[in-house]
Amino acid sequence: MMKIEVESARVDVSARFSRGGSLLQHTVFAGCVGVDVHLQVNSPEEPHRVSALLRNAEAGCYVMQALANPTPVTATYELNGVGIEAVAPVIE
């Protein structure tokens, strides 16, 4: 434990997303293009101690690290109990 006194904290988070492509042409794509985090802390501690706390909090945050670093995703699909692949259908 760092034992740093924090009297109060407020965080505002906003995310920006994009999407495009065509459902009919099977070219749909989506993504997160950015996340903004603004944290306000009130503390009687020295700034360098609070900075160290914030650095550790960010480094240990699963969500921030998953967004900031490439994260492999594995997906499997089943239809009626049988595995299938998510591929673009053949349109006849």
PDB file of N, CA and C in Angstrom:
ATOM      1  N   MET A   1       0.829  -1.184   0.000  1.00  0.00           N
ATOM      2  CA  MET A   1       0.000   0.000   0.000  1.00  0.00           C
ATOM      3  C   MET A   1       0.874   1.249   0.000  1.00  0.00           C
ATOM      4  N   MET A   2       0.438   2.236  -0.741  1.00  0.00           N
ATOM      5  CA  MET A   2       1.200   3.477  -0.805  1.00  0.00           C
ATOM      6  C   MET A   2       0.841   4.423   0.323  1.00  0.00           C
ATOM      7  N   LYS A   3      -0.307   4.236   0.949  1.00  0.00           N
ATOM      8  CA  LYS A   3      -0.737   5.079   2.068  1.00  0.00           C
ATOM      9  C   LYS A   3      -0.657   6.557   1.730  1.00  0.00           C
ATOM     10  N   ILE A   4      -1.363   6.925   0.678  1.00  0.00           N
ATOM     11  CA  ILE A   4      -1.438   8.322   0.248  1.00  0.00           C
ATOM     12  C   ILE A   4      -2.863   8.800   0.492  1.00  0.00           C
ATOM     13  N   GLU A   5      -2.990   9.898   1.198  1.00  0.00           N
ATOM     14  CA  GLU A   5      -4.317  10.418   1.526  1.00  0.00           C
ATOM     15  C   GLU A   5      -4.938  11.116   0.315  1.00  0.00           C
ATOM     16  N   VAL A   6      -6.148  10.690  -0.008  1.00  0.00           N
ATOM     17  CA  VAL A   6      -6.934  11.333  -1.064  1.00  0.00           C
ATOM     18  C   VAL A   6      -8.243  11.771  -0.420  1.00  0.00           C
ATOM     19  N   GLU A   7      -8.496  13.064  -0.461  1.00  0.00           N
ATOM     20  CA  GLU A   7      -9.721  13.588   0.144  1.00  0.00           C
ATOM     21  C   GLU A   7     -10.919  13.376  -0.770  1.00  0.00           C
ATOM     22  N   SER A   8     -10.703  13.570  -2.059  1.00  0.00           N
ATOM     23  CA  SER A   8     -11.783  13.340  -3.020  1.00  0.00           C
ATOM     24  C   SER A   8     -11.177  13.170  -4.402  1.00  0.00           C
ATOM     25  N   ALA A   9     -11.951  12.542  -5.267  1.00  0.00           N
ATOM     26  CA  ALA A   9     -11.526  12.361  -6.654  1.00  0.00           C
ATOM     27  C   ALA A   9     -12.765  12.341  -7.542  1.00  0.00           C
ATOM     28  N   ARG A  10     -12.602  12.887  -8.729  1.00  0.00           N
ATOM     29  CA  ARG A  10     -13.680  12.894  -9.714  1.00  0.00           C
ATOM     30  C   ARG A  10     -13.053  12.564 -11.067  1.00  0.00           C
ATOM     31  N   VAL A  11     -13.685  11.663 -11.774  1.00  0.00           N
ATOM     32  CA  VAL A  11     -13.165  11.298 -13.092  1.00  0.00           C
ATOM     33  C   VAL A  11     -14.265  11.466 -14.133  1.00  0.00           C
ATOM     34  N   ASP A  12     -13.899  12.037 -15.268  1.00  0.00           N
ATOM     35  CA  ASP A  12     -14.785  12.149 -16.420  1.00  0.00           C
ATOM     36  C   ASP A  12     -14.123  11.377 -17.551  1.00  0.00           C
ATOM     37  N   VAL A  13     -14.864  10.469 -18.162  1.00  0.00           N
ATOM     38  CA  VAL A  13     -14.342   9.638 -19.243  1.00  0.00           C
ATOM     39  C   VAL A  13     -15.272   9.770 -20.441  1.00  0.00           C
ATOM     40  N   SER A  14     -14.683   9.984 -21.599  1.00  0.00           N
ATOM     41  CA  SER A  14     -15.480   9.978 -22.828  1.00  0.00           C
ATOM     42  C   SER A  14     -14.737   9.145 -23.857  1.00  0.00           C
ATOM     43  N   ALA A  15     -15.505   8.476 -24.691  1.00  0.00           N
ATOM     44  CA  ALA A  15     -14.920   7.621 -25.728  1.00  0.00           C
ATOM     45  C   ALA A  15     -15.482   8.030 -27.077  1.00  0.00           C
ATOM     46  N   ARG A  16     -14.650   7.886 -28.101  1.00  0.00           N
ATOM     47  CA  ARG A  16     -15.069   8.187 -29.468  1.00  0.00           C
ATOM     48  C   ARG A  16     -14.996   6.896 -30.282  1.00  0.00           C
ATOM     49  N   PHE A  17     -16.074   6.622 -30.988  1.00  0.00           N
ATOM     50  CA  PHE A  17     -16.168   5.400 -31.780  1.00  0.00           C
ATOM     51  C   PHE A  17     -16.407   5.741 -33.242  1.00  0.00           C
ATOM     52  N   SER A  18     -16.051   4.807 -34.102  1.00  0.00           N
ATOM     53  CA  SER A  18     -16.357   4.971 -35.520  1.00  0.00           C
ATOM     54  C   SER A  18     -16.939   3.673 -36.035  1.00  0.00           C
ATOM     55  N   ARG A  19     -17.676   3.785 -37.114  1.00  0.00           N
ATOM     56  CA  ARG A  19     -18.198   2.601 -37.780  1.00  0.00           C
ATOM     57  C   ARG A  19     -18.382   2.946 -39.240  1.00  0.00           C
ATOM     58  N   GLY A  20     -18.427   1.928 -40.048  1.00  0.00           N
ATOM     59  CA  GLY A  20     -18.606   2.154 -41.471  1.00  0.00           C
ATOM     60  C   GLY A  20     -18.819   0.844 -42.191  1.00  0.00           C
ATOM     61  N   GLY A  21     -18.743   0.929 -43.490  1.00  0.00           N
ATOM     62  CA  GLY A  21     -18.945  -0.249 -44.316  1.00  0.00           C
ATOM     63  C   GLY A  21     -20.418  -0.503 -44.590  1.00  0.00           C
ATOM     64  N   SER A  22     -20.676  -1.676 -45.117  1.00  0.00           N
ATOM     65  CA  SER A  22     -22.024  -2.026 -45.537  1.00  0.00           C
ATOM     66  C   SER A  22     -22.400  -3.401 -44.997  1.00  0.00           C
ATOM     67  N   LEU A  23     -23.604  -3.485 -44.410  1.00  0.00           N
ATOM     68  CA  LEU A  23     -24.108  -4.784 -43.987  1.00  0.00           C
ATOM     69  C   LEU A  23     -24.349  -5.681 -45.191  1.00  0.00           C
ATOM     70  N   LEU A  24     -24.895  -5.113 -46.246  1.00  0.00           N
ATOM     71  CA  LEU A  24     -25.225  -5.912 -47.425  1.00  0.00           C
ATOM     72  C   LEU A  24     -23.984  -6.410 -48.165  1.00  0.00           C
ATOM     73  N   GLN A  25     -22.910  -5.634 -48.129  1.00  0.00           N
ATOM     74  CA  GLN A  25     -21.677  -6.044 -48.811  1.00  0.00           C
ATOM     75  C   GLN A  25     -20.704  -6.755 -47.860  1.00  0.00           C
ATOM     76  N   HIS A  26     -21.108  -6.940 -46.603  1.00  0.00           N
ATOM     77  CA  HIS A  26     -20.303  -7.633 -45.596  1.00  0.00           C
ATOM     78  C   HIS A  26     -18.946  -6.959 -45.376  1.00  0.00           C
ATOM     79  N   THR A  27     -18.987  -5.628 -45.351  1.00  0.00           N
ATOM     80  CA  THR A  27     -17.756  -4.853 -45.120  1.00  0.00           C
ATOM     81  C   THR A  27     -17.849  -4.004 -43.852  1.00  0.00           C
ATOM     82  N   VAL A  28     -18.755  -4.377 -42.952  1.00  0.00           N
ATOM     83  CA  VAL A  28     -18.967  -3.606 -41.725  1.00  0.00           C
ATOM     84  C   VAL A  28     -17.697  -3.607 -40.879  1.00  0.00           C
ATOM     85  N   PHE A  29     -17.388  -2.457 -40.313  1.00  0.00           N
ATOM     86  CA  PHE A  29     -16.280  -2.360 -39.364  1.00  0.00           C
ATOM     87  C   PHE A  29     -16.654  -1.346 -38.298  1.00  0.00           C
ATOM     88  N   ALA A  30     -16.050  -1.507 -37.131  1.00  0.00           N
ATOM     89  CA  ALA A  30     -16.279  -0.585 -36.021  1.00  0.00           C
ATOM     90  C   ALA A  30     -15.014  -0.521 -35.193  1.00  0.00           C
ATOM     91  N   GLY A  31     -14.846   0.575 -34.487  1.00  0.00           N
ATOM     92  CA  GLY A  31     -13.666   0.692 -33.644  1.00  0.00           C
ATOM     93  C   GLY A  31     -13.757   1.850 -32.685  1.00  0.00           C
ATOM     94  N   CYS A  32     -12.906   1.808 -31.722  1.00  0.00           N
ATOM     95  CA  CYS A  32     -12.763   2.906 -30.775  1.00  0.00           C
ATOM     96  C   CYS A  32     -11.593   3.747 -31.261  1.00  0.00           C
ATOM     97  N   VAL A  33     -11.836   5.023 -31.523  1.00  0.00           N
ATOM     98  CA  VAL A  33     -10.785   5.887 -32.056  1.00  0.00           C
ATOM     99  C   VAL A  33     -10.118   6.733 -30.975  1.00  0.00           C
ATOM    100  N   GLY A  34     -10.637   6.663 -29.761  1.00  0.00           N
ATOM    101  CA  GLY A  34      -9.984   7.394 -28.688  1.00  0.00           C
ATOM    102  C   GLY A  34     -10.790   7.399 -27.406  1.00  0.00           C
ATOM    103  N   VAL A  35     -10.080   7.521 -26.312  1.00  0.00           N
ATOM    104  CA  VAL A  35     -10.691   7.621 -24.989  1.00  0.00           C
ATOM    105  C   VAL A  35     -10.009   8.771 -24.267  1.00  0.00           C
ATOM    106  N   ASP A  36     -10.797   9.650 -23.684  1.00  0.00           N
ATOM    107  CA  ASP A  36     -10.266  10.773 -22.914  1.00  0.00           C
ATOM    108  C   ASP A  36     -10.633  10.582 -21.450  1.00  0.00           C
ATOM    109  N   VAL A  37      -9.644  10.691 -20.587  1.00  0.00           N
ATOM    110  CA  VAL A  37      -9.847  10.552 -19.147  1.00  0.00           C
ATOM    111  C   VAL A  37      -9.350  11.832 -18.485  1.00  0.00           C
ATOM    112  N   HIS A  38     -10.214  12.450 -17.677  1.00  0.00           N
ATOM    113  CA  HIS A  38      -9.819  13.643 -16.924  1.00  0.00           C
ATOM    114  C   HIS A  38     -10.105  13.362 -15.457  1.00  0.00           C
ATOM    115  N   LEU A  39      -9.051  13.357 -14.644  1.00  0.00           N
ATOM    116  CA  LEU A  39      -9.173  13.043 -13.223  1.00  0.00           C
ATOM    117  C   LEU A  39      -8.799  14.263 -12.388  1.00  0.00           C
ATOM    118  N   GLN A  40      -9.667  14.616 -11.460  1.00  0.00           N
ATOM    119  CA  GLN A  40      -9.404  15.707 -10.518  1.00  0.00           C
ATOM    120  C   GLN A  40      -9.254  15.093  -9.132  1.00  0.00           C
ATOM    121  N   VAL A  41      -8.132  15.346  -8.487  1.00  0.00           N
ATOM    122  CA  VAL A  41      -7.849  14.785  -7.165  1.00  0.00           C
ATOM    123  C   VAL A  41      -7.622  15.922  -6.183  1.00  0.00           C
ATOM    124  N   ASN A  42      -8.191  15.790  -5.011  1.00  0.00           N
ATOM    125  CA  ASN A  42      -7.902  16.706  -3.904  1.00  0.00           C
ATOM    126  C   ASN A  42      -7.167  15.899  -2.842  1.00  0.00           C
ATOM    127  N   SER A  43      -5.961  16.367  -2.499  1.00  0.00           N
ATOM    128  CA  SER A  43      -5.124  15.641  -1.545  1.00  0.00           C
ATOM    129  C   SER A  43      -4.146  16.602  -0.898  1.00  0.00           C
ATOM    130  N   PRO A  44      -3.853  16.406   0.400  1.00  0.00           N
ATOM    131  CA  PRO A  44      -2.832  17.221   1.051  1.00  0.00           C
ATOM    132  C   PRO A  44      -1.414  16.718   0.766  1.00  0.00           C
ATOM    133  N   GLU A  45      -1.286  15.625   0.028  1.00  0.00           N
ATOM    134  CA  GLU A  45       0.021  15.023  -0.245  1.00  0.00           C
ATOM    135  C   GLU A  45       0.823  15.857  -1.241  1.00  0.00           C
ATOM    136  N   GLU A  46       2.122  15.609  -1.283  1.00  0.00           N
ATOM    137  CA  GLU A  46       3.010  16.260  -2.246  1.00  0.00           C
ATOM    138  C   GLU A  46       2.665  15.778  -3.657  1.00  0.00           C
ATOM    139  N   PRO A  47       2.762  16.676  -4.651  1.00  0.00           N
ATOM    140  CA  PRO A  47       2.410  16.296  -6.025  1.00  0.00           C
ATOM    141  C   PRO A  47       3.129  15.051  -6.531  1.00  0.00           C
ATOM    142  N   HIS A  48       4.419  14.884  -6.194  1.00  0.00           N
ATOM    143  CA  HIS A  48       5.138  13.714  -6.700  1.00  0.00           C
ATOM    144  C   HIS A  48       4.579  12.415  -6.121  1.00  0.00           C
ATOM    145  N   ARG A  49       4.045  12.453  -4.899  1.00  0.00           N
ATOM    146  CA  ARG A  49       3.443  11.247  -4.306  1.00  0.00           C
ATOM    147  C   ARG A  49       2.115  10.921  -4.968  1.00  0.00           C
ATOM    148  N   VAL A  50       1.323  11.950  -5.249  1.00  0.00           N
ATOM    149  CA  VAL A  50       0.045  11.717  -5.929  1.00  0.00           C
ATOM    150  C   VAL A  50       0.303  11.256  -7.356  1.00  0.00           C
ATOM    151  N   SER A  51       1.302  11.822  -8.008  1.00  0.00           N
ATOM    152  CA  SER A  51       1.660  11.381  -9.359  1.00  0.00           C
ATOM    153  C   SER A  51       2.029   9.902  -9.380  1.00  0.00           C
ATOM    154  N   ALA A  52       2.781   9.463  -8.378  1.00  0.00           N
ATOM    155  CA  ALA A  52       3.160   8.054  -8.291  1.00  0.00           C
ATOM    156  C   ALA A  52       1.925   7.175  -8.105  1.00  0.00           C
ATOM    157  N   LEU A  53       0.991   7.621  -7.285  1.00  0.00           N
ATOM    158  CA  LEU A  53      -0.258   6.889  -7.081  1.00  0.00           C
ATOM    159  C   LEU A  53      -1.031   6.765  -8.389  1.00  0.00           C
ATOM    160  N   LEU A  54      -1.142   7.873  -9.122  1.00  0.00           N
ATOM    161  CA  LEU A  54      -1.895   7.873 -10.380  1.00  0.00           C
ATOM    162  C   LEU A  54      -1.220   6.992 -11.422  1.00  0.00           C
ATOM    163  N   ARG A  55       0.106   7.004 -11.463  1.00  0.00           N
ATOM    164  CA  ARG A  55       0.829   6.155 -12.395  1.00  0.00           C
ATOM    165  C   ARG A  55       0.548   4.682 -12.098  1.00  0.00           C
ATOM    166  N   ASN A  56       0.577   4.300 -10.811  1.00  0.00           N
ATOM    167  CA  ASN A  56       0.293   2.921 -10.433  1.00  0.00           C
ATOM    168  C   ASN A  56      -1.156   2.540 -10.731  1.00  0.00           C
ATOM    169  N   ALA A  57      -2.081   3.467 -10.491  1.00  0.00           N
ATOM    170  CA  ALA A  57      -3.491   3.192 -10.757  1.00  0.00           C
ATOM    171  C   ALA A  57      -3.722   2.956 -12.245  1.00  0.00           C
ATOM    172  N   GLU A  58      -3.112   3.780 -13.086  1.00  0.00           N
ATOM    173  CA  GLU A  58      -3.269   3.621 -14.531  1.00  0.00           C
ATOM    174  C   GLU A  58      -2.617   2.326 -15.013  1.00  0.00           C
ATOM    175  N   ALA A  59      -1.431   2.036 -14.529  1.00  0.00           N
ATOM    176  CA  ALA A  59      -0.721   0.824 -14.947  1.00  0.00           C
ATOM    177  C   ALA A  59      -1.453  -0.436 -14.501  1.00  0.00           C
ATOM    178  N   GLY A  60      -2.203  -0.349 -13.401  1.00  0.00           N
ATOM    179  CA  GLY A  60      -2.924  -1.510 -12.890  1.00  0.00           C
ATOM    180  C   GLY A  60      -4.378  -1.581 -13.297  1.00  0.00           C
ATOM    181  N   CYS A  61      -4.815  -0.679 -14.166  1.00  0.00           N
ATOM    182  CA  CYS A  61      -6.220  -0.649 -14.600  1.00  0.00           C
ATOM    183  C   CYS A  61      -6.392  -1.562 -15.812  1.00  0.00           C
ATOM    184  N   TYR A  62      -7.152  -2.631 -15.655  1.00  0.00           N
ATOM    185  CA  TYR A  62      -7.353  -3.594 -16.728  1.00  0.00           C
ATOM    186  C   TYR A  62      -7.957  -2.947 -17.973  1.00  0.00           C
ATOM    187  N   VAL A  63      -8.930  -2.082 -17.788  1.00  0.00           N
ATOM    188  CA  VAL A  63      -9.612  -1.478 -18.935  1.00  0.00           C
ATOM    189  C   VAL A  63      -8.669  -0.550 -19.695  1.00  0.00           C
ATOM    190  N   MET A  64      -7.976   0.322 -18.991  1.00  0.00           N
ATOM    191  CA  MET A  64      -7.062   1.245 -19.679  1.00  0.00           C
ATOM    192  C   MET A  64      -5.972   0.478 -20.417  1.00  0.00           C
ATOM    193  N   GLN A  65      -5.445  -0.561 -19.804  1.00  0.00           N
ATOM    194  CA  GLN A  65      -4.385  -1.328 -20.451  1.00  0.00           C
ATOM    195  C   GLN A  65      -4.902  -2.122 -21.650  1.00  0.00           C
ATOM    196  N   ALA A  66      -6.115  -2.638 -21.555  1.00  0.00           N
ATOM    197  CA  ALA A  66      -6.686  -3.368 -22.691  1.00  0.00           C
ATOM    198  C   ALA A  66      -6.921  -2.444 -23.876  1.00  0.00           C
ATOM    199  N   LEU A  67      -7.309  -1.197 -23.611  1.00  0.00           N
ATOM    200  CA  LEU A  67      -7.543  -0.242 -24.688  1.00  0.00           C
ATOM    201  C   LEU A  67      -6.232   0.314 -25.252  1.00  0.00           C
ATOM    202  N   ALA A  68      -5.253   0.519 -24.400  1.00  0.00           N
ATOM    203  CA  ALA A  68      -4.017   1.165 -24.828  1.00  0.00           C
ATOM    204  C   ALA A  68      -3.047   0.210 -25.524  1.00  0.00           C
ATOM    205  N   ASN A  69      -3.180  -1.071 -25.269  1.00  0.00           N
ATOM    206  CA  ASN A  69      -2.245  -2.061 -25.818  1.00  0.00           C
ATOM    207  C   ASN A  69      -3.002  -3.069 -26.674  1.00  0.00           C
ATOM    208  N   PRO A  70      -2.376  -3.554 -27.727  1.00  0.00           N
ATOM    209  CA  PRO A  70      -3.046  -4.574 -28.539  1.00  0.00           C
ATOM    210  C   PRO A  70      -3.458  -5.761 -27.668  1.00  0.00           C
ATOM    211  N   THR A  71      -4.716  -6.109 -27.747  1.00  0.00           N
ATOM    212  CA  THR A  71      -5.258  -7.188 -26.929  1.00  0.00           C
ATOM    213  C   THR A  71      -5.853  -8.253 -27.835  1.00  0.00           C
ATOM    214  N   PRO A  72      -5.301  -9.467 -27.820  1.00  0.00           N
ATOM    215  CA  PRO A  72      -5.876 -10.524 -28.653  1.00  0.00           C
ATOM    216  C   PRO A  72      -7.283 -10.877 -28.183  1.00  0.00           C
ATOM    217  N   VAL A  73      -8.144 -11.131 -29.122  1.00  0.00           N
ATOM    218  CA  VAL A  73      -9.514 -11.545 -28.824  1.00  0.00           C
ATOM    219  C   VAL A  73      -9.763 -12.862 -29.542  1.00  0.00           C
ATOM    220  N   THR A  74     -10.268 -13.836 -28.812  1.00  0.00           N
ATOM    221  CA  THR A  74     -10.614 -15.118 -29.399  1.00  0.00           C
ATOM    222  C   THR A  74     -12.125 -15.274 -29.311  1.00  0.00           C
ATOM    223  N   ALA A  75     -12.752 -15.563 -30.434  1.00  0.00           N
ATOM    224  CA  ALA A  75     -14.204 -15.745 -30.459  1.00  0.00           C
ATOM    225  C   ALA A  75     -14.533 -17.087 -31.095  1.00  0.00           C
ATOM    226  N   THR A  76     -15.507 -17.770 -30.512  1.00  0.00           N
ATOM    227  CA  THR A  76     -16.034 -18.993 -31.106  1.00  0.00           C
ATOM    228  C   THR A  76     -17.536 -18.837 -31.229  1.00  0.00           C
ATOM    229  N   TYR A  77     -18.113 -19.530 -32.222  1.00  0.00           N
ATOM    230  CA  TYR A  77     -19.543 -19.392 -32.494  1.00  0.00           C
ATOM    231  C   TYR A  77     -20.168 -20.766 -32.620  1.00  0.00           C
ATOM    232  N   GLU A  78     -21.395 -20.862 -32.146  1.00  0.00           N
ATOM    233  CA  GLU A  78     -22.152 -22.098 -32.276  1.00  0.00           C
ATOM    234  C   GLU A  78     -23.538 -21.790 -32.813  1.00  0.00           C
ATOM    235  N   LEU A  79     -24.008 -22.697 -33.636  1.00  0.00           N
ATOM    236  CA  LEU A  79     -25.381 -22.645 -34.129  1.00  0.00           C
ATOM    237  C   LEU A  79     -26.008 -23.996 -33.828  1.00  0.00           C
ATOM    238  N   ASN A  80     -27.033 -23.998 -32.991  1.00  0.00           N
ATOM    239  CA  ASN A  80     -27.711 -25.232 -32.589  1.00  0.00           C
ATOM    240  C   ASN A  80     -26.729 -26.254 -32.028  1.00  0.00           C
ATOM    241  N   GLY A  81     -25.766 -25.784 -31.237  1.00  0.00           N
ATOM    242  CA  GLY A  81     -24.814 -26.664 -30.583  1.00  0.00           C
ATOM    243  C   GLY A  81     -23.648 -27.112 -31.435  1.00  0.00           C
ATOM    244  N   VAL A  82     -23.564 -26.630 -32.680  1.00  0.00           N
ATOM    245  CA  VAL A  82     -22.481 -27.017 -33.580  1.00  0.00           C
ATOM    246  C   VAL A  82     -21.653 -25.783 -33.915  1.00  0.00           C
ATOM    247  N   GLY A  83     -20.334 -25.921 -33.843  1.00  0.00           N
ATOM    248  CA  GLY A  83     -19.454 -24.802 -34.129  1.00  0.00           C
ATOM    249  C   GLY A  83     -19.557 -24.357 -35.576  1.00  0.00           C
ATOM    250  N   ILE A  84     -19.569 -23.042 -35.789  1.00  0.00           N
ATOM    251  CA  ILE A  84     -19.579 -22.474 -37.130  1.00  0.00           C
ATOM    252  C   ILE A  84     -18.572 -21.344 -37.180  1.00  0.00           C
ATOM    253  N   GLU A  85     -18.212 -20.915 -38.383  1.00  0.00           N
ATOM    254  CA  GLU A  85     -17.327 -19.761 -38.564  1.00  0.00           C
ATOM    255  C   GLU A  85     -18.164 -18.550 -38.954  1.00  0.00           C
ATOM    256  N   ALA A  86     -17.714 -17.373 -38.558  1.00  0.00           N
ATOM    257  CA  ALA A  86     -18.373 -16.125 -38.948  1.00  0.00           C
ATOM    258  C   ALA A  86     -17.695 -15.650 -40.241  1.00  0.00           C
ATOM    259  N   VAL A  87     -18.246 -16.030 -41.347  1.00  0.00           N
ATOM    260  CA  VAL A  87     -17.684 -15.638 -42.651  1.00  0.00           C
ATOM    261  C   VAL A  87     -18.788 -14.997 -43.481  1.00  0.00           C
ATOM    262  N   ALA A  88     -18.370 -14.230 -44.458  1.00  0.00           N
ATOM    263  CA  ALA A  88     -19.342 -13.618 -45.368  1.00  0.00           C
ATOM    264  C   ALA A  88     -20.015 -14.730 -46.176  1.00  0.00           C
ATOM    265  N   PRO A  89     -21.344 -14.712 -46.244  1.00  0.00           N
ATOM    266  CA  PRO A  89     -22.047 -15.753 -46.988  1.00  0.00           C
ATOM    267  C   PRO A  89     -21.854 -15.622 -48.500  1.00  0.00           C
ATOM    268  N   VAL A  90     -21.984 -16.713 -49.181  1.00  0.00           N
ATOM    269  CA  VAL A  90     -21.958 -16.710 -50.635  1.00  0.00           C
ATOM    270  C   VAL A  90     -23.337 -16.289 -51.101  1.00  0.00           C
ATOM    271  N   ILE A  91     -23.403 -15.199 -51.849  1.00  0.00           N
ATOM    272  CA  ILE A  91     -24.688 -14.712 -52.345  1.00  0.00           C
ATOM    273  C   ILE A  91     -24.876 -15.200 -53.768  1.00  0.00           C
ATOM    274  N   GLU A  92     -25.931 -15.953 -53.971  1.00  0.00           N
ATOM    275  CA  GLU A  92     -26.185 -16.523 -55.298  1.00  0.00           C
ATOM    276  C   GLU A  92     -27.172 -15.689 -56.081  1.00  0.00           C
TER     277      GLU A  92
END
